[in-house]
Amino acid sequence: MEKITNLVTLDFAWQLVTAFLQCLKINLIMNRLIILFSSLAFIALTSCESGQEELPDEAMQGIALQDMLGEEEYWEGNKLEYKELFFLNQTDLFCKTDSNKTYSGIIKVRSRKGTIALLESYSSGLKNGDFFEYHDTGKLKSKRQYKQGMRHGYFFEWLNDGTIYSRKYFQDDLEDFGRFDDEGVSTTGKSMAALELATWKGEASDFYFKFAGDPKRGGIIHIRETEELYDGNVTALDNEGRKEAMLRYRKGKYHGTISKWDEKGNLWEEAEYDRGILVAFTIKNGKPFDPTQVIDVSEDPEMVNILFGD
């Protein structure tokens, strides 16, 4: 009688464990469904708000529901964590740093400002599904489609204003050049980064995330991403959004009117440059500059940098 009772107890316990596991499985599926539909809703919303060109139906197919439910993992974090926690091994498989194992699942990367930057999908370390990249403004920057590591589907890129920069189509990693009448490329001859940064406005602390060089010492400025010499205008702001400087460049050098403001918002310095060469000051130390004035550079280290810096 005691053995029968024990068997009944064990059977009941096993039923409880089975029911618990079923609940966990249902919760896991529901969580993945929530992630999927949240991501697709966000993508649809940002695409509508940006006014971007509508993609062909086949290009806008999202991550397949069955594929999503079959993924093993979901990771979300910032760009710094992303670089620390994942890497490409010698065979170009996407792996986790802590285990060296290939990754299968969804990756959602956020920018320093908290906006979504990347949305990626991997299967056993291979790119598989739709890859989305976003501008700092939250607008869609690119959409790429992969199948088991190969480019397969539409590749689109947009500028920050929603203008399409390039469009391509691939099948099994081979480009179909006849898909678009305009061959799907920009006719400007400039890179996407150069077009986007032709007019840049942001905090001075963010300047060096986009550009490299030292403008304070007359250094040549280039675009960090592509190493192109910079042509364009920069408006630098302080951390409270007040204007600090307006800098104009041609081929990486100061060119035109360069203006700087003090912390109270007063125009502190203004000068004219011609392809990196100082032509004249119009305002110095908040006052109109007298070109006949004798400058004692020993009392003005900044002037030494401006006049004699490389």
C-alpha atoms as a PDB file:
ATOM      1  CA  MET A   1       0.000   0.000   0.000  1.00  0.00           C
ATOM      2  CA  GLU A   2       2.872   2.345   0.857  1.00  0.00           C
ATOM      3  CA  LYS A   3       4.529   1.656  -2.554  1.00  0.00           C
ATOM      4  CA  ILE A   4       1.294   2.499  -4.370  1.00  0.00           C
ATOM      5  CA  THR A   5       1.026   5.752  -2.417  1.00  0.00           C
ATOM      6  CA  ASN A   6       4.620   6.655  -3.317  1.00  0.00           C
ATOM      7  CA  LEU A   7       4.000   5.924  -6.997  1.00  0.00           C
ATOM      8  CA  VAL A   8       0.891   8.116  -6.971  1.00  0.00           C
ATOM      9  CA  THR A   9       2.867  10.890  -5.289  1.00  0.00           C
ATOM     10  CA  LEU A  10       5.675  10.610  -7.837  1.00  0.00           C
ATOM     11  CA  ASP A  11       3.214  10.617 -10.713  1.00  0.00           C
ATOM     12  CA  PHE A  12       1.511  13.733  -9.341  1.00  0.00           C
ATOM     13  CA  ALA A  13       4.895  15.447  -8.885  1.00  0.00           C
ATOM     14  CA  TRP A  14       5.861  14.606 -12.453  1.00  0.00           C
ATOM     15  CA  GLN A  15       2.577  16.105 -13.709  1.00  0.00           C
ATOM     16  CA  LEU A  16       3.359  19.300 -11.788  1.00  0.00           C
ATOM     17  CA  VAL A  17       6.857  19.492 -13.297  1.00  0.00           C
ATOM     18  CA  THR A  18       5.459  18.891 -16.797  1.00  0.00           C
ATOM     19  CA  ALA A  19       2.829  21.602 -16.331  1.00  0.00           C
ATOM     20  CA  PHE A  20       5.502  24.010 -15.054  1.00  0.00           C
ATOM     21  CA  LEU A  21       7.737  23.366 -18.074  1.00  0.00           C
ATOM     22  CA  GLN A  22       4.792  23.919 -20.410  1.00  0.00           C
ATOM     23  CA  CYS A  23       4.142  27.286 -18.746  1.00  0.00           C
ATOM     24  CA  LEU A  24       7.794  28.261 -19.187  1.00  0.00           C
ATOM     25  CA  LYS A  25       7.630  27.336 -22.870  1.00  0.00           C
ATOM     26  CA  ILE A  26       4.460  29.380 -23.376  1.00  0.00           C
ATOM     27  CA  ASN A  27       6.007  32.366 -21.566  1.00  0.00           C
ATOM     28  CA  LEU A  28       9.136  32.120 -23.725  1.00  0.00           C
ATOM     29  CA  ILE A  29       7.058  32.106 -26.910  1.00  0.00           C
ATOM     30  CA  MET A  30       4.966  35.026 -25.675  1.00  0.00           C
ATOM     31  CA  ASN A  31       8.093  37.038 -24.818  1.00  0.00           C
ATOM     32  CA  ARG A  32       9.499  36.427 -28.273  1.00  0.00           C
ATOM     33  CA  LEU A  33       6.187  37.413 -29.854  1.00  0.00           C
ATOM     34  CA  ILE A  34       6.207  40.650 -27.843  1.00  0.00           C
ATOM     35  CA  ILE A  35       9.793  41.382 -28.959  1.00  0.00           C
ATOM     36  CA  LEU A  36       8.924  40.605 -32.588  1.00  0.00           C
ATOM     37  CA  PHE A  37       5.809  42.748 -32.817  1.00  0.00           C
ATOM     38  CA  SER A  38       7.391  45.600 -30.827  1.00  0.00           C
ATOM     39  CA  SER A  39      10.342  45.666 -33.215  1.00  0.00           C
ATOM     40  CA  LEU A  40       8.155  45.506 -36.322  1.00  0.00           C
ATOM     41  CA  ALA A  41       5.871  48.225 -34.962  1.00  0.00           C
ATOM     42  CA  PHE A  42       8.860  50.468 -34.258  1.00  0.00           C
ATOM     43  CA  ILE A  43      10.256  49.887 -37.759  1.00  0.00           C
ATOM     44  CA  ALA A  44       6.887  50.653 -39.356  1.00  0.00           C
ATOM     45  CA  LEU A  45       6.483  53.818 -37.275  1.00  0.00           C
ATOM     46  CA  THR A  46       9.952  55.197 -38.036  1.00  0.00           C
ATOM     47  CA  SER A  47       9.566  54.432 -41.745  1.00  0.00           C
ATOM     48  CA  CYS A  48       6.244  56.295 -41.893  1.00  0.00           C
ATOM     49  CA  GLU A  49       7.552  59.291 -39.976  1.00  0.00           C
ATOM     50  CA  SER A  50      10.641  59.644 -42.158  1.00  0.00           C
ATOM     51  CA  GLY A  51       8.651  59.808 -45.378  1.00  0.00           C
ATOM     52  CA  GLN A  52      11.055  57.366 -46.983  1.00  0.00           C
ATOM     53  CA  GLU A  53      10.397  55.712 -50.308  1.00  0.00           C
ATOM     54  CA  GLU A  54       8.133  52.707 -49.891  1.00  0.00           C
ATOM     55  CA  LEU A  55       9.937  49.430 -50.507  1.00  0.00           C
ATOM     56  CA  PRO A  56       8.648  46.584 -52.683  1.00  0.00           C
ATOM     57  CA  ASP A  57       6.436  44.158 -50.774  1.00  0.00           C
ATOM     58  CA  GLU A  58       9.022  41.388 -50.891  1.00  0.00           C
ATOM     59  CA  ALA A  59      11.665  43.755 -49.508  1.00  0.00           C
ATOM     60  CA  MET A  60       9.537  44.652 -46.496  1.00  0.00           C
ATOM     61  CA  GLN A  61       9.009  41.096 -45.353  1.00  0.00           C
ATOM     62  CA  GLY A  62       9.988  41.145 -41.681  1.00  0.00           C
ATOM     63  CA  ILE A  63      11.714  38.445 -39.699  1.00  0.00           C
ATOM     64  CA  ALA A  64       9.731  35.248 -40.258  1.00  0.00           C
ATOM     65  CA  LEU A  65       7.589  34.352 -37.269  1.00  0.00           C
ATOM     66  CA  GLN A  66       8.703  30.732 -37.318  1.00  0.00           C
ATOM     67  CA  ASP A  67      12.349  31.807 -37.455  1.00  0.00           C
ATOM     68  CA  MET A  68      11.799  34.193 -34.574  1.00  0.00           C
ATOM     69  CA  LEU A  69      10.196  31.568 -32.380  1.00  0.00           C
ATOM     70  CA  GLY A  70      13.017  29.171 -33.163  1.00  0.00           C
ATOM     71  CA  GLU A  71      15.782  31.582 -32.121  1.00  0.00           C
ATOM     72  CA  GLU A  72      17.544  30.680 -28.921  1.00  0.00           C
ATOM     73  CA  GLU A  73      18.560  34.067 -27.572  1.00  0.00           C
ATOM     74  CA  TYR A  74      17.735  37.759 -27.414  1.00  0.00           C
ATOM     75  CA  TRP A  75      20.263  40.417 -26.412  1.00  0.00           C
ATOM     76  CA  GLU A  76      19.819  44.167 -25.983  1.00  0.00           C
ATOM     77  CA  GLY A  77      22.425  46.722 -24.936  1.00  0.00           C
ATOM     78  CA  ASN A  78      24.554  49.693 -25.972  1.00  0.00           C
ATOM     79  CA  LYS A  79      27.295  49.853 -28.605  1.00  0.00           C
ATOM     80  CA  LEU A  80      30.129  49.541 -26.101  1.00  0.00           C
ATOM     81  CA  GLU A  81      28.646  46.391 -24.553  1.00  0.00           C
ATOM     82  CA  TYR A  82      27.988  45.022 -28.041  1.00  0.00           C
ATOM     83  CA  LYS A  83      31.677  45.332 -28.972  1.00  0.00           C
ATOM     84  CA  GLU A  84      32.773  43.768 -25.696  1.00  0.00           C
ATOM     85  CA  LEU A  85      30.371  40.825 -25.652  1.00  0.00           C
ATOM     86  CA  PHE A  86      30.491  39.712 -29.300  1.00  0.00           C
ATOM     87  CA  PHE A  87      33.163  39.212 -31.959  1.00  0.00           C
ATOM     88  CA  LEU A  88      33.800  37.659 -35.389  1.00  0.00           C
ATOM     89  CA  ASN A  89      36.023  34.599 -35.255  1.00  0.00           C
ATOM     90  CA  GLN A  90      38.612  33.633 -37.880  1.00  0.00           C
ATOM     91  CA  THR A  91      35.920  32.168 -40.121  1.00  0.00           C
ATOM     92  CA  ASP A  92      33.745  35.309 -39.810  1.00  0.00           C
ATOM     93  CA  LEU A  93      31.158  33.679 -37.565  1.00  0.00           C
ATOM     94  CA  PHE A  94      29.450  35.923 -35.008  1.00  0.00           C
ATOM     95  CA  CYS A  95      30.352  34.623 -31.536  1.00  0.00           C
ATOM     96  CA  LYS A  96      29.933  35.407 -27.866  1.00  0.00           C
ATOM     97  CA  THR A  97      33.114  36.566 -26.149  1.00  0.00           C
ATOM     98  CA  ASP A  98      32.502  34.754 -22.860  1.00  0.00           C
ATOM     99  CA  SER A  99      32.026  31.295 -24.397  1.00  0.00           C
ATOM    100  CA  ASN A 100      33.506  31.579 -27.918  1.00  0.00           C
ATOM    101  CA  LYS A 101      30.313  29.889 -29.115  1.00  0.00           C
ATOM    102  CA  THR A 102      28.413  31.048 -32.188  1.00  0.00           C
ATOM    103  CA  TYR A 103      25.358  33.159 -31.516  1.00  0.00           C
ATOM    104  CA  SER A 104      21.817  32.385 -32.641  1.00  0.00           C
ATOM    105  CA  GLY A 105      19.180  34.995 -31.989  1.00  0.00           C
ATOM    106  CA  ILE A 106      18.245  38.643 -32.149  1.00  0.00           C
ATOM    107  CA  ILE A 107      20.567  41.558 -31.341  1.00  0.00           C
ATOM    108  CA  LYS A 108      19.200  45.005 -30.521  1.00  0.00           C
ATOM    109  CA  VAL A 109      21.827  47.728 -30.062  1.00  0.00           C
ATOM    110  CA  ARG A 110      21.113  51.186 -28.667  1.00  0.00           C
ATOM    111  CA  SER A 111      23.099  54.380 -29.254  1.00  0.00           C
ATOM    112  CA  ARG A 112      24.677  56.509 -26.534  1.00  0.00           C
ATOM    113  CA  LYS A 113      21.492  58.591 -26.558  1.00  0.00           C
ATOM    114  CA  GLY A 114      19.310  55.537 -25.963  1.00  0.00           C
ATOM    115  CA  THR A 115      17.774  55.384 -29.445  1.00  0.00           C
ATOM    116  CA  ILE A 116      17.837  52.147 -31.413  1.00  0.00           C
ATOM    117  CA  ALA A 117      20.987  51.869 -33.560  1.00  0.00           C
ATOM    118  CA  LEU A 118      21.019  48.294 -34.882  1.00  0.00           C
ATOM    119  CA  LEU A 119      18.638  45.353 -35.152  1.00  0.00           C
ATOM    120  CA  GLU A 120      20.300  42.111 -36.276  1.00  0.00           C
ATOM    121  CA  SER A 121      19.425  38.422 -36.630  1.00  0.00           C
ATOM    122  CA  TYR A 122      21.871  35.492 -36.532  1.00  0.00           C
ATOM    123  CA  SER A 123      21.643  31.735 -36.949  1.00  0.00           C
ATOM    124  CA  SER A 124      24.625  29.697 -35.715  1.00  0.00           C
ATOM    125  CA  GLY A 125      26.849  32.747 -36.135  1.00  0.00           C
ATOM    126  CA  LEU A 126      25.650  33.527 -39.669  1.00  0.00           C
ATOM    127  CA  LYS A 127      23.687  36.598 -40.677  1.00  0.00           C
ATOM    128  CA  ASN A 128      20.179  35.368 -41.332  1.00  0.00           C
ATOM    129  CA  GLY A 129      17.132  37.564 -41.878  1.00  0.00           C
ATOM    130  CA  ASP A 130      16.713  41.325 -41.858  1.00  0.00           C
ATOM    131  CA  PHE A 131      19.366  43.758 -40.617  1.00  0.00           C
ATOM    132  CA  PHE A 132      18.341  47.334 -39.770  1.00  0.00           C
ATOM    133  CA  GLU A 133      20.574  50.314 -38.995  1.00  0.00           C
ATOM    134  CA  TYR A 134      19.333  53.696 -37.760  1.00  0.00           C
ATOM    135  CA  HIS A 135      20.569  57.274 -37.817  1.00  0.00           C
ATOM    136  CA  ASP A 136      21.137  59.055 -34.486  1.00  0.00           C
ATOM    137  CA  THR A 137      17.793  60.763 -35.104  1.00  0.00           C
ATOM    138  CA  GLY A 138      16.013  57.394 -35.020  1.00  0.00           C
ATOM    139  CA  LYS A 139      15.279  57.368 -38.749  1.00  0.00           C
ATOM    140  CA  LEU A 140      16.024  54.263 -40.765  1.00  0.00           C
ATOM    141  CA  LYS A 141      19.508  54.331 -42.317  1.00  0.00           C
ATOM    142  CA  SER A 142      19.704  50.927 -43.997  1.00  0.00           C
ATOM    143  CA  LYS A 143      17.890  47.645 -44.472  1.00  0.00           C
ATOM    144  CA  ARG A 144      19.775  44.531 -45.576  1.00  0.00           C
ATOM    145  CA  GLN A 145      18.585  40.975 -46.076  1.00  0.00           C
ATOM    146  CA  TYR A 146      20.658  37.815 -45.574  1.00  0.00           C
ATOM    147  CA  LYS A 147      20.187  34.071 -45.903  1.00  0.00           C
ATOM    148  CA  GLN A 148      22.602  31.829 -43.984  1.00  0.00           C
ATOM    149  CA  GLY A 149      25.446  34.327 -44.230  1.00  0.00           C
ATOM    150  CA  MET A 150      24.841  35.328 -47.855  1.00  0.00           C
ATOM    151  CA  ARG A 151      23.383  38.577 -49.116  1.00  0.00           C
ATOM    152  CA  HIS A 152      19.950  37.600 -50.330  1.00  0.00           C
ATOM    153  CA  GLY A 153      17.279  40.210 -50.972  1.00  0.00           C
ATOM    154  CA  TYR A 154      17.125  43.990 -50.938  1.00  0.00           C
ATOM    155  CA  PHE A 155      19.849  46.328 -49.685  1.00  0.00           C
ATOM    156  CA  PHE A 156      18.659  49.913 -49.173  1.00  0.00           C
ATOM    157  CA  GLU A 157      20.396  52.968 -47.700  1.00  0.00           C
ATOM    158  CA  TRP A 158      18.825  56.325 -46.799  1.00  0.00           C
ATOM    159  CA  LEU A 159      20.233  59.707 -45.875  1.00  0.00           C
ATOM    160  CA  ASN A 160      19.040  61.347 -42.668  1.00  0.00           C
ATOM    161  CA  ASP A 161      16.427  63.384 -44.549  1.00  0.00           C
ATOM    162  CA  GLY A 162      14.850  60.210 -45.927  1.00  0.00           C
ATOM    163  CA  THR A 163      16.376  60.546 -49.397  1.00  0.00           C
ATOM    164  CA  ILE A 164      17.390  57.184 -50.782  1.00  0.00           C
ATOM    165  CA  TYR A 165      21.156  56.895 -51.259  1.00  0.00           C
ATOM    166  CA  SER A 166      21.477  53.439 -52.786  1.00  0.00           C
ATOM    167  CA  ARG A 167      19.438  50.340 -53.540  1.00  0.00           C
ATOM    168  CA  LYS A 168      20.618  46.920 -54.618  1.00  0.00           C
ATOM    169  CA  TYR A 169      19.295  43.399 -54.905  1.00  0.00           C
ATOM    170  CA  PHE A 170      21.168  40.135 -54.288  1.00  0.00           C
ATOM    171  CA  GLN A 171      20.452  36.457 -54.808  1.00  0.00           C
ATOM    172  CA  ASP A 172      22.750  33.959 -53.107  1.00  0.00           C
ATOM    173  CA  ASP A 173      25.386  36.682 -52.635  1.00  0.00           C
ATOM    174  CA  LEU A 174      25.338  37.716 -56.326  1.00  0.00           C
ATOM    175  CA  GLU A 175      24.117  41.208 -57.229  1.00  0.00           C
ATOM    176  CA  ASP A 176      21.313  41.585 -59.763  1.00  0.00           C
ATOM    177  CA  PHE A 177      22.450  44.741 -61.578  1.00  0.00           C
ATOM    178  CA  GLY A 178      19.345  44.837 -63.754  1.00  0.00           C
ATOM    179  CA  ARG A 179      16.905  45.119 -60.868  1.00  0.00           C
ATOM    180  CA  PHE A 180      16.830  48.955 -60.921  1.00  0.00           C
ATOM    181  CA  ASP A 181      16.885  51.257 -63.957  1.00  0.00           C
ATOM    182  CA  ASP A 182      19.250  53.733 -62.280  1.00  0.00           C
ATOM    183  CA  GLU A 183      21.603  50.900 -61.231  1.00  0.00           C
ATOM    184  CA  GLY A 184      20.716  51.770 -57.645  1.00  0.00           C
ATOM    185  CA  VAL A 185      23.676  54.043 -56.905  1.00  0.00           C
ATOM    186  CA  SER A 186      24.156  57.668 -55.893  1.00  0.00           C
ATOM    187  CA  THR A 187      25.324  59.934 -58.736  1.00  0.00           C
ATOM    188  CA  THR A 188      27.044  62.469 -56.456  1.00  0.00           C
ATOM    189  CA  GLY A 189      30.352  60.625 -56.330  1.00  0.00           C
ATOM    190  CA  LYS A 190      30.489  61.212 -52.571  1.00  0.00           C
ATOM    191  CA  SER A 191      30.168  58.659 -49.828  1.00  0.00           C
ATOM    192  CA  MET A 192      27.035  58.452 -47.727  1.00  0.00           C
ATOM    193  CA  ALA A 193      28.962  59.747 -44.709  1.00  0.00           C
ATOM    194  CA  ALA A 194      30.223  62.789 -46.649  1.00  0.00           C
ATOM    195  CA  LEU A 195      26.711  63.700 -47.787  1.00  0.00           C
ATOM    196  CA  GLU A 196      25.269  63.298 -44.295  1.00  0.00           C
ATOM    197  CA  LEU A 197      27.984  65.372 -42.640  1.00  0.00           C
ATOM    198  CA  ALA A 198      28.021  68.206 -45.191  1.00  0.00           C
ATOM    199  CA  THR A 199      26.140  70.188 -42.553  1.00  0.00           C
ATOM    200  CA  TRP A 200      26.712  68.881 -39.029  1.00  0.00           C
ATOM    201  CA  LYS A 201      25.342  70.245 -35.777  1.00  0.00           C
ATOM    202  CA  GLY A 202      25.918  68.754 -32.361  1.00  0.00           C
ATOM    203  CA  GLU A 203      27.674  68.934 -29.021  1.00  0.00           C
ATOM    204  CA  ALA A 204      31.366  69.666 -29.185  1.00  0.00           C
ATOM    205  CA  SER A 205      31.968  66.443 -27.233  1.00  0.00           C
ATOM    206  CA  ASP A 206      30.404  64.473 -30.114  1.00  0.00           C
ATOM    207  CA  PHE A 207      32.582  66.144 -32.751  1.00  0.00           C
ATOM    208  CA  TYR A 208      35.389  63.607 -32.422  1.00  0.00           C
ATOM    209  CA  PHE A 209      33.015  60.680 -32.829  1.00  0.00           C
ATOM    210  CA  LYS A 210      32.365  61.925 -36.376  1.00  0.00           C
ATOM    211  CA  PHE A 211      35.630  63.645 -37.273  1.00  0.00           C
ATOM    212  CA  ALA A 212      39.361  63.192 -36.681  1.00  0.00           C
ATOM    213  CA  GLY A 213      42.035  65.880 -36.498  1.00  0.00           C
ATOM    214  CA  ASP A 214      42.607  68.958 -34.351  1.00  0.00           C
ATOM    215  CA  PRO A 215      40.965  72.118 -35.718  1.00  0.00           C
ATOM    216  CA  LYS A 216      42.253  74.186 -32.773  1.00  0.00           C
ATOM    217  CA  ARG A 217      45.807  73.773 -34.006  1.00  0.00           C
ATOM    218  CA  GLY A 218      45.142  74.080 -37.692  1.00  0.00           C
ATOM    219  CA  GLY A 219      45.085  70.324 -38.238  1.00  0.00           C
ATOM    220  CA  ILE A 220      43.434  68.851 -41.312  1.00  0.00           C
ATOM    221  CA  ILE A 221      40.001  67.382 -40.522  1.00  0.00           C
ATOM    222  CA  HIS A 222      38.734  64.179 -42.084  1.00  0.00           C
ATOM    223  CA  ILE A 223      35.633  62.060 -41.664  1.00  0.00           C
ATOM    224  CA  ARG A 224      36.443  59.336 -39.164  1.00  0.00           C
ATOM    225  CA  GLU A 225      34.325  56.633 -40.813  1.00  0.00           C
ATOM    226  CA  THR A 226      35.699  56.989 -44.361  1.00  0.00           C
ATOM    227  CA  GLU A 227      38.925  59.023 -43.858  1.00  0.00           C
ATOM    228  CA  GLU A 228      37.780  61.489 -46.533  1.00  0.00           C
ATOM    229  CA  LEU A 229      38.958  65.093 -46.219  1.00  0.00           C
ATOM    230  CA  TYR A 230      36.010  67.039 -44.887  1.00  0.00           C
ATOM    231  CA  ASP A 231      34.018  69.539 -46.957  1.00  0.00           C
ATOM    232  CA  GLY A 232      31.204  71.195 -45.045  1.00  0.00           C
ATOM    233  CA  ASN A 233      30.000  73.287 -42.142  1.00  0.00           C
ATOM    234  CA  VAL A 234      30.070  72.413 -38.434  1.00  0.00           C
ATOM    235  CA  THR A 235      27.971  74.038 -35.705  1.00  0.00           C
ATOM    236  CA  ALA A 236      29.306  73.021 -32.296  1.00  0.00           C
ATOM    237  CA  LEU A 237      27.045  73.327 -29.236  1.00  0.00           C
ATOM    238  CA  ASP A 238      27.824  73.162 -25.527  1.00  0.00           C
ATOM    239  CA  ASN A 239      26.106  70.654 -23.233  1.00  0.00           C
ATOM    240  CA  GLU A 240      23.219  73.079 -22.721  1.00  0.00           C
ATOM    241  CA  GLY A 241      22.591  73.521 -26.431  1.00  0.00           C
ATOM    242  CA  ARG A 242      24.214  76.952 -26.742  1.00  0.00           C
ATOM    243  CA  LYS A 243      26.288  77.730 -29.811  1.00  0.00           C
ATOM    244  CA  GLU A 244      30.050  77.415 -29.251  1.00  0.00           C
ATOM    245  CA  ALA A 245      31.455  77.656 -32.764  1.00  0.00           C
ATOM    246  CA  MET A 246      30.661  77.690 -36.467  1.00  0.00           C
ATOM    247  CA  LEU A 247      33.459  76.124 -38.507  1.00  0.00           C
ATOM    248  CA  ARG A 248      33.686  75.912 -42.293  1.00  0.00           C
ATOM    249  CA  TYR A 249      35.962  73.479 -44.126  1.00  0.00           C
ATOM    250  CA  ARG A 250      37.236  72.799 -47.610  1.00  0.00           C
ATOM    251  CA  LYS A 251      39.356  69.708 -48.171  1.00  0.00           C
ATOM    252  CA  GLY A 252      39.762  69.385 -44.418  1.00  0.00           C
ATOM    253  CA  LYS A 253      40.998  72.948 -43.806  1.00  0.00           C
ATOM    254  CA  TYR A 254      39.351  76.088 -42.444  1.00  0.00           C
ATOM    255  CA  HIS A 255      37.804  78.015 -45.309  1.00  0.00           C
ATOM    256  CA  GLY A 256      35.541  81.035 -44.990  1.00  0.00           C
ATOM    257  CA  THR A 257      34.266  82.672 -41.818  1.00  0.00           C
ATOM    258  CA  ILE A 258      35.139  80.920 -38.546  1.00  0.00           C
ATOM    259  CA  SER A 259      33.121  82.124 -35.544  1.00  0.00           C
ATOM    260  CA  LYS A 260      33.346  81.299 -31.832  1.00  0.00           C
ATOM    261  CA  TRP A 261      31.188  82.298 -28.861  1.00  0.00           C
ATOM    262  CA  ASP A 262      31.933  82.565 -25.139  1.00  0.00           C
ATOM    263  CA  GLU A 263      30.004  80.741 -22.404  1.00  0.00           C
ATOM    264  CA  LYS A 264      27.579  83.677 -22.105  1.00  0.00           C
ATOM    265  CA  GLY A 265      26.629  83.479 -25.769  1.00  0.00           C
ATOM    266  CA  ASN A 266      28.610  86.533 -26.881  1.00  0.00           C
ATOM    267  CA  LEU A 267      30.523  86.434 -30.158  1.00  0.00           C
ATOM    268  CA  TRP A 268      34.106  86.165 -28.949  1.00  0.00           C
ATOM    269  CA  GLU A 269      36.141  85.591 -32.061  1.00  0.00           C
ATOM    270  CA  GLU A 270      35.631  85.765 -35.792  1.00  0.00           C
ATOM    271  CA  ALA A 271      38.196  85.305 -38.534  1.00  0.00           C
ATOM    272  CA  GLU A 272      38.438  84.742 -42.289  1.00  0.00           C
ATOM    273  CA  TYR A 273      40.388  81.800 -43.713  1.00  0.00           C
ATOM    274  CA  ASP A 274      41.364  80.811 -47.228  1.00  0.00           C
ATOM    275  CA  ARG A 275      42.038  77.076 -47.567  1.00  0.00           C
ATOM    276  CA  GLY A 276      43.592  76.873 -44.139  1.00  0.00           C
ATOM    277  CA  ILE A 277      45.444  80.201 -44.209  1.00  0.00           C
ATOM    278  CA  LEU A 278      44.387  82.956 -41.793  1.00  0.00           C
ATOM    279  CA  VAL A 279      43.481  86.038 -43.829  1.00  0.00           C
ATOM    280  CA  ALA A 280      42.195  88.433 -41.186  1.00  0.00           C
ATOM    281  CA  PHE A 281      40.494  88.755 -37.816  1.00  0.00           C
ATOM    282  CA  THR A 282      37.281  90.751 -37.640  1.00  0.00           C
ATOM    283  CA  ILE A 283      36.532  90.136 -33.945  1.00  0.00           C
ATOM    284  CA  LYS A 284      39.015  89.222 -31.227  1.00  0.00           C
ATOM    285  CA  ASN A 285      38.290  88.830 -27.485  1.00  0.00           C
ATOM    286  CA  GLY A 286      34.729  90.040 -28.091  1.00  0.00           C
ATOM    287  CA  LYS A 287      35.778  93.322 -29.706  1.00  0.00           C
ATOM    288  CA  PRO A 288      36.240  94.480 -33.310  1.00  0.00           C
ATOM    289  CA  PHE A 289      39.800  93.691 -34.305  1.00  0.00           C
ATOM    290  CA  ASP A 290      42.121  96.511 -35.353  1.00  0.00           C
ATOM    291  CA  PRO A 291      44.435  95.171 -38.091  1.00  0.00           C
ATOM    292  CA  THR A 292      47.014  97.817 -37.172  1.00  0.00           C
ATOM    293  CA  GLN A 293      47.172  96.543 -33.601  1.00  0.00           C
ATOM    294  CA  VAL A 294      50.510  95.098 -32.544  1.00  0.00           C
ATOM    295  CA  ILE A 295      49.910  91.667 -31.034  1.00  0.00           C
ATOM    296  CA  ASP A 296      52.025  90.607 -28.076  1.00  0.00           C
ATOM    297  CA  VAL A 297      51.902  86.862 -28.664  1.00  0.00           C
ATOM    298  CA  SER A 298      53.761  86.198 -25.440  1.00  0.00           C
ATOM    299  CA  GLU A 299      50.575  87.140 -23.572  1.00  0.00           C
ATOM    300  CA  ASP A 300      48.242  85.209 -25.847  1.00  0.00           C
ATOM    301  CA  PRO A 301      49.137  81.508 -26.211  1.00  0.00           C
ATOM    302  CA  GLU A 302      46.021  80.912 -28.307  1.00  0.00           C
ATOM    303  CA  MET A 303      47.230  83.468 -30.832  1.00  0.00           C
ATOM    304  CA  VAL A 304      50.510  81.583 -31.098  1.00  0.00           C
ATOM    305  CA  ASN A 305      48.583  78.448 -32.056  1.00  0.00           C
ATOM    306  CA  ILE A 306      46.473  80.302 -34.603  1.00  0.00           C
ATOM    307  CA  LEU A 307      49.312  82.175 -36.257  1.00  0.00           C
ATOM    308  CA  PHE A 308      52.073  79.617 -36.107  1.00  0.00           C
ATOM    309  CA  GLY A 309      50.374  76.262 -35.589  1.00  0.00           C
ATOM    310  CA  ASP A 310      50.845  73.548 -38.165  1.00  0.00           C
END
